[in-house]
């Protein structure tokens, strides 16, 4: 049996937000308001990732929400249109490389190779990095696939969905996975306005402390959701199986053939299985509930 790492171990599945903004940059709510709002939504942890300004401070220490250190970095691409590279930076777990509220400049780069030194410096300082909202940034996979070291990319961004109707990032994910790039998928809010918050999250198999959450993220021990709950995802006896909260359909993606669907029919679907396609390089599942909300497993890599 091969089980995706989010569904191994005895640690709790913590609910967390990895990308949001406050009045420290261009968000509409104060840091304390954002943290308390997430506490009411049942979040266990949250990163305040304001633009180019580093944060390690918990502005609401009695909220029950653990704060991950972080920020968001960016560069404009020297291409027609407003094309960007945006990167969420999480951590590090140890000694901070920057002062609280340390600010950084943006800039312009020609391509992914010119952006890589910034990523390299962040990774050397101990950060985990997430490539943000490729569809909103108007960066097809060919523009960012050469970035190295990102542990994840956004496959759902609530702000982009609610404000721009953009929900196509998972297709970019498959493009990278098909090239053999082992990268995980996260759902985030990128919350700026109040109604952005609480719509996309990760469930991480970890103890509630910064080092263990960052470890679990790095290892892919999480799933992404904007509604459904996932209970298991594994391969056994030549079949891939996903178990979930009541769903309308489950879609399996394997990289080397079109989408494979399981439908609920009468009643709700809480378990779906398919034969593992021959020569599939990876397998992942998307669960969709009756309200159209999605959850995504991370891939089980088969080659």
Protein backbone atom coordinates (compact mmCIF):
# COMPACT_ATOMS: atom_id res chain seq x y z
CA UNK A 1 0.00 0.00 0.00
CA UNK A 2 1.10 3.55 -0.78
CA UNK A 3 -0.64 6.23 1.30
CA UNK A 4 -0.30 9.95 0.68
CA UNK A 5 1.57 11.42 3.65
CA UNK A 6 -1.30 13.69 4.80
CA UNK A 7 -3.10 10.53 5.88
CA UNK A 8 -0.25 8.88 7.78
CA UNK A 9 0.67 9.31 11.43
CA UNK A 10 -1.25 10.17 14.57
CA UNK A 11 -0.80 13.95 14.66
CA UNK A 12 -3.92 16.09 14.24
CA UNK A 13 -4.91 17.59 10.89
CA UNK A 14 -4.49 21.30 11.59
CA UNK A 15 -6.40 23.91 9.60
CA UNK A 16 -4.17 26.70 8.35
CA UNK A 17 -3.98 29.80 6.19
CA UNK A 18 -0.79 30.45 4.24
CA UNK A 19 -1.45 33.73 2.40
CA UNK A 20 -3.22 36.86 3.64
CA UNK A 21 -2.74 40.60 3.93
CA UNK A 22 -3.40 43.25 6.56
CA UNK A 23 -3.16 47.01 6.93
CA UNK A 24 0.61 46.50 7.17
CA UNK A 25 0.47 46.42 3.36
CA UNK A 26 -2.68 46.55 1.18
CA UNK A 27 -5.15 44.60 3.32
CA UNK A 28 -8.29 46.23 4.70
CA UNK A 29 -8.23 44.67 8.20
CA UNK A 30 -5.66 45.12 10.95
CA UNK A 31 -3.40 42.19 11.87
CA UNK A 32 -5.37 41.61 15.06
CA UNK A 33 -8.68 41.64 13.18
CA UNK A 34 -7.39 39.14 10.62
CA UNK A 35 -6.09 36.76 13.28
CA UNK A 36 -9.28 36.88 15.35
CA UNK A 37 -11.41 36.38 12.23
CA UNK A 38 -9.48 33.21 11.42
CA UNK A 39 -9.89 32.06 15.01
CA UNK A 40 -13.66 32.31 14.58
CA UNK A 41 -13.35 30.27 11.38
CA UNK A 42 -11.62 27.47 13.27
CA UNK A 43 -8.08 27.98 12.00
CA UNK A 44 -5.22 26.54 14.02
CA UNK A 45 -2.45 28.56 12.36
CA UNK A 46 -1.99 31.50 10.01
CA UNK A 47 0.79 33.31 8.17
CA UNK A 48 0.49 37.10 7.78
CA UNK A 49 2.20 37.50 4.41
CA UNK A 50 2.10 41.21 3.74
CA UNK A 51 3.89 42.46 0.67
CA UNK A 52 7.66 42.71 1.15
CA UNK A 53 7.42 43.19 4.93
CA UNK A 54 8.51 40.44 7.29
CA UNK A 55 6.36 39.32 10.20
CA UNK A 56 6.92 37.08 13.22
CA UNK A 57 4.57 38.86 15.62
CA UNK A 58 1.37 37.43 17.06
CA UNK A 59 -0.98 40.42 17.27
CA UNK A 60 -3.68 38.42 19.09
CA UNK A 61 -1.90 35.98 21.42
CA UNK A 62 -5.12 34.92 23.15
CA UNK A 63 -6.87 33.94 19.88
CA UNK A 64 -5.64 30.35 19.81
CA UNK A 65 -4.24 30.87 16.30
CA UNK A 66 -0.54 30.07 15.95
CA UNK A 67 1.34 32.56 13.76
CA UNK A 68 3.80 31.29 11.16
CA UNK A 69 6.54 33.77 10.24
CA UNK A 70 6.29 35.01 6.68
CA UNK A 71 5.86 37.61 3.95
CA UNK A 72 5.21 37.85 0.21
CA UNK A 73 7.92 38.84 -2.27
CA UNK A 74 7.47 39.85 -5.91
CA UNK A 75 9.04 41.04 -9.14
CA UNK A 76 7.42 42.49 -12.25
CA UNK A 77 8.26 40.70 -15.48
CA UNK A 78 9.69 42.75 -18.33
CA UNK A 79 7.03 41.45 -20.74
CA UNK A 80 3.92 42.96 -22.35
CA UNK A 81 1.07 43.35 -19.89
CA UNK A 82 1.24 43.31 -16.10
CA UNK A 83 2.88 39.94 -15.51
CA UNK A 84 4.31 39.12 -12.11
CA UNK A 85 6.21 36.57 -10.12
CA UNK A 86 4.73 36.51 -6.59
CA UNK A 87 6.15 34.22 -3.91
CA UNK A 88 4.83 33.51 -0.42
CA UNK A 89 7.73 32.94 1.99
CA UNK A 90 7.11 30.92 5.18
CA UNK A 91 9.48 30.62 8.12
CA UNK A 92 12.08 30.00 9.08
CA UNK A 93 11.53 27.97 12.23
CA UNK A 94 14.82 29.00 13.82
CA UNK A 95 16.57 32.32 14.27
CA UNK A 96 14.93 34.99 12.10
CA UNK A 97 17.06 36.19 9.18
CA UNK A 98 15.26 39.53 9.17
CA UNK A 99 14.00 42.00 11.74
CA UNK A 100 10.31 42.30 12.51
CA UNK A 101 8.76 44.72 9.98
CA UNK A 102 11.90 44.71 7.82
CA UNK A 103 10.90 45.96 4.38
CA UNK A 104 12.14 45.02 0.93
CA UNK A 105 11.98 46.57 -2.52
CA UNK A 106 10.32 45.07 -5.58
CA UNK A 107 11.92 45.25 -9.02
CA UNK A 108 11.83 44.00 -12.60
CA UNK A 109 13.22 40.74 -13.98
CA UNK A 110 13.36 39.30 -17.48
CA UNK A 111 12.49 35.68 -16.71
CA UNK A 112 12.61 32.82 -14.20
CA UNK A 113 16.38 32.58 -14.42
CA UNK A 114 16.70 36.22 -13.36
CA UNK A 115 14.26 35.61 -10.48
CA UNK A 116 16.11 32.53 -9.22
CA UNK A 117 18.78 34.39 -7.19
CA UNK A 118 16.01 35.86 -5.02
CA UNK A 119 14.54 32.39 -4.48
CA UNK A 120 17.98 30.97 -3.74
CA UNK A 121 18.61 33.61 -1.08
CA UNK A 122 15.23 32.89 0.54
CA UNK A 123 15.86 29.16 0.59
CA UNK A 124 19.35 29.68 2.01
CA UNK A 125 17.76 31.71 4.83
CA UNK A 126 15.46 28.79 5.66
CA UNK A 127 12.22 29.86 3.98
CA UNK A 128 9.69 27.60 2.33
CA UNK A 129 8.37 29.23 -0.84
CA UNK A 130 5.05 29.01 -2.67
CA UNK A 131 4.51 30.19 -6.24
CA UNK A 132 1.36 32.33 -6.20
CA UNK A 133 -1.72 32.64 -8.46
CA UNK A 134 -0.18 31.93 -11.88
CA UNK A 135 -3.46 32.61 -13.69
CA UNK A 136 -3.90 36.04 -12.06
CA UNK A 137 -0.24 36.82 -12.73
CA UNK A 138 -0.72 35.90 -16.42
CA UNK A 139 2.23 33.53 -16.21
CA UNK A 140 1.62 30.26 -18.07
CA UNK A 141 3.74 27.35 -16.92
CA UNK A 142 6.43 28.02 -19.53
CA UNK A 143 7.22 31.30 -17.74
CA UNK A 144 7.65 29.91 -14.21
CA UNK A 145 8.46 26.20 -14.67
CA UNK A 146 12.20 26.89 -14.44
CA UNK A 147 11.90 28.31 -10.93
CA UNK A 148 13.60 25.91 -8.55
CA UNK A 149 13.01 25.18 -4.89
CA UNK A 150 9.33 26.08 -4.46
CA UNK A 151 7.77 23.40 -2.28
CA UNK A 152 4.26 24.31 -3.48
CA UNK A 153 2.15 26.43 -5.80
CA UNK A 154 -1.30 27.90 -5.33
CA UNK A 155 -4.01 25.84 -7.01
CA UNK A 156 -6.82 27.85 -5.37
CA UNK A 157 -6.71 31.53 -4.44
CA UNK A 158 -9.97 32.86 -2.98
CA UNK A 159 -9.26 36.49 -3.79
CA UNK A 160 -8.63 35.67 -7.46
CA UNK A 161 -11.81 33.57 -7.63
CA UNK A 162 -14.05 36.10 -5.88
CA UNK A 163 -12.70 39.25 -7.55
CA UNK A 164 -11.61 37.97 -10.97
CA UNK A 165 -13.36 34.64 -11.56
CA UNK A 166 -10.01 32.90 -11.99
CA UNK A 167 -9.94 29.23 -10.96
CA UNK A 168 -7.63 27.49 -13.44
CA UNK A 169 -4.40 27.08 -11.52
CA UNK A 170 -4.60 23.28 -11.17
CA UNK A 171 -3.93 22.93 -14.90
CA UNK A 172 -0.58 24.68 -14.41
CA UNK A 173 0.14 22.26 -11.55
CA UNK A 174 -0.32 19.26 -13.83
CA UNK A 175 2.00 20.81 -16.40
CA UNK A 176 4.79 20.94 -13.82
CA UNK A 177 4.04 17.47 -12.44
CA UNK A 178 4.17 16.02 -15.96
CA UNK A 179 7.70 17.39 -16.30
CA UNK A 180 8.74 15.47 -13.20
CA UNK A 181 8.77 18.55 -10.95
CA UNK A 182 7.67 17.38 -7.51
CA UNK A 183 5.63 20.30 -6.27
CA UNK A 184 2.63 20.32 -3.94
CA UNK A 185 -0.65 22.23 -4.26
CA UNK A 186 -2.08 24.65 -1.68
CA UNK A 187 -5.38 26.49 -1.33
CA UNK A 188 -5.13 30.02 0.06
CA UNK A 189 -7.26 33.14 0.45
CA UNK A 190 -4.76 35.88 -0.42
CA UNK A 191 -7.23 37.78 1.73
CA UNK A 192 -7.36 41.54 1.38
CA UNK A 193 -11.04 42.32 2.07
CA UNK A 194 -13.04 40.68 4.85
CA UNK A 195 -15.05 38.46 2.49
CA UNK A 196 -11.88 36.94 1.02
CA UNK A 197 -10.88 35.32 4.29
CA UNK A 198 -11.84 31.82 5.35
CA UNK A 199 -12.51 30.36 1.90
CA UNK A 200 -9.36 28.35 1.16
CA UNK A 201 -7.04 26.47 3.50
CA UNK A 202 -4.73 23.54 4.04
CA UNK A 203 -5.10 20.68 6.50
CA UNK A 204 -1.64 19.75 7.76
CA UNK A 205 -0.68 16.57 9.61
CA UNK A 206 1.46 18.11 12.35
CA UNK A 207 1.75 19.12 15.97
CA UNK A 208 0.75 22.71 16.68
CA UNK A 209 4.15 24.38 16.63
CA UNK A 210 6.01 26.26 13.93
CA UNK A 211 8.84 23.76 13.29
CA UNK A 212 6.53 20.78 12.91
CA UNK A 213 4.05 22.59 10.68
CA UNK A 214 6.85 23.76 8.39
CA UNK A 215 8.27 20.23 8.31
CA UNK A 216 4.90 18.76 7.36
CA UNK A 217 4.37 21.36 4.64
CA UNK A 218 7.80 20.66 3.19
CA UNK A 219 7.06 16.91 3.14
CA UNK A 220 3.63 17.30 1.55
CA UNK A 221 1.78 15.99 4.61
CA UNK A 222 -1.32 18.08 3.91
CA UNK A 223 -4.27 18.51 1.61
CA UNK A 224 -5.91 21.65 0.25
CA UNK A 225 -9.59 22.56 0.48
CA UNK A 226 -12.24 25.22 0.12
CA UNK A 227 -14.92 23.01 1.68
CA UNK A 228 -14.79 19.19 1.54
CA UNK A 229 -12.89 17.10 4.07
CA UNK A 230 -10.54 14.34 2.95
CA UNK A 231 -10.13 11.29 5.17
CA UNK A 232 -7.76 9.05 3.17
CA UNK A 233 -5.99 8.67 -0.16
CA UNK A 234 -4.00 5.57 -0.99
CA UNK A 235 -3.12 2.97 -3.61
CA UNK A 236 -3.56 -0.73 -2.86
CA UNK A 237 -4.05 -3.84 -5.00
CA UNK A 238 -3.81 -1.83 -8.20
CA UNK A 239 -6.53 0.63 -7.21
CA UNK A 240 -6.47 4.25 -6.08
CA UNK A 241 -8.94 5.03 -3.30
CA UNK A 242 -10.07 8.34 -1.85
CA UNK A 243 -12.36 8.70 1.20
CA UNK A 244 -14.04 12.02 1.89
CA UNK A 245 -16.97 13.94 3.31
CA UNK A 246 -20.17 13.67 1.20
CA UNK A 247 -19.32 14.66 -2.36
CA UNK A 248 -20.97 15.08 -5.74
CA UNK A 249 -18.02 13.72 -7.71
CA UNK A 250 -14.38 12.74 -7.44
CA UNK A 251 -11.92 13.38 -10.26
CA UNK A 252 -8.62 11.54 -10.56
CA UNK A 253 -5.71 13.02 -12.49
CA UNK A 254 -2.76 10.89 -13.48
CA UNK A 255 -0.82 12.95 -15.97
CA UNK A 256 -0.86 10.59 -18.94
CA UNK A 257 -4.55 10.55 -19.88
CA UNK A 258 -7.72 12.65 -19.51
CA UNK A 259 -9.58 13.14 -16.26
CA UNK A 260 -11.13 10.04 -14.70
CA UNK A 261 -14.42 10.71 -12.89
CA UNK A 262 -16.49 8.98 -10.23
CA UNK A 263 -20.04 10.34 -9.81
CA UNK A 264 -22.31 10.12 -6.80
CA UNK A 265 -25.43 8.99 -8.64
CA UNK A 266 -28.17 8.64 -6.03
CA UNK A 267 -27.07 9.84 -2.61
CA UNK A 268 -23.66 11.22 -1.68
CA UNK A 269 -20.25 9.88 -2.56
CA UNK A 270 -17.90 9.26 0.39
CA UNK A 271 -15.54 6.76 -1.25
CA UNK A 272 -14.29 6.46 -4.81
CA UNK A 273 -11.77 4.19 -6.47
CA UNK A 274 -10.28 3.63 -9.90
CA UNK A 275 -7.77 1.15 -11.32
CA UNK A 276 -4.35 2.79 -11.38
CA UNK A 277 -3.68 3.70 -15.02
CA UNK A 278 -0.72 1.97 -16.61
CA UNK A 279 2.52 4.00 -16.62
CA UNK A 280 0.95 6.89 -14.71
CA UNK A 281 3.75 9.13 -13.35
CA UNK A 282 1.58 10.33 -10.47
CA UNK A 283 -1.97 10.23 -9.23
CA UNK A 284 -3.96 12.91 -7.42
CA UNK A 285 -7.65 13.42 -6.64
CA UNK A 286 -10.07 16.36 -6.63
CA UNK A 287 -13.26 16.10 -4.59
CA UNK A 288 -16.23 18.34 -5.41
CA UNK A 289 -19.23 18.67 -3.09
CA UNK A 290 -22.85 19.56 -3.89
CA UNK A 291 -22.07 23.30 -3.49
CA UNK A 292 -19.25 23.07 -6.04
CA UNK A 293 -16.54 23.45 -3.42
CA UNK A 294 -13.34 21.51 -3.99
CA UNK A 295 -10.62 19.70 -2.10
CA UNK A 296 -7.37 18.43 -3.59
CA UNK A 297 -5.05 15.67 -2.47
CA UNK A 298 -1.38 16.05 -3.09
CA UNK A 299 0.02 13.56 -5.58
CA UNK A 300 1.16 10.05 -4.93
CA UNK A 301 4.26 9.86 -7.09
CA UNK A 302 4.59 6.61 -9.03
CA UNK A 303 7.79 7.23 -10.99
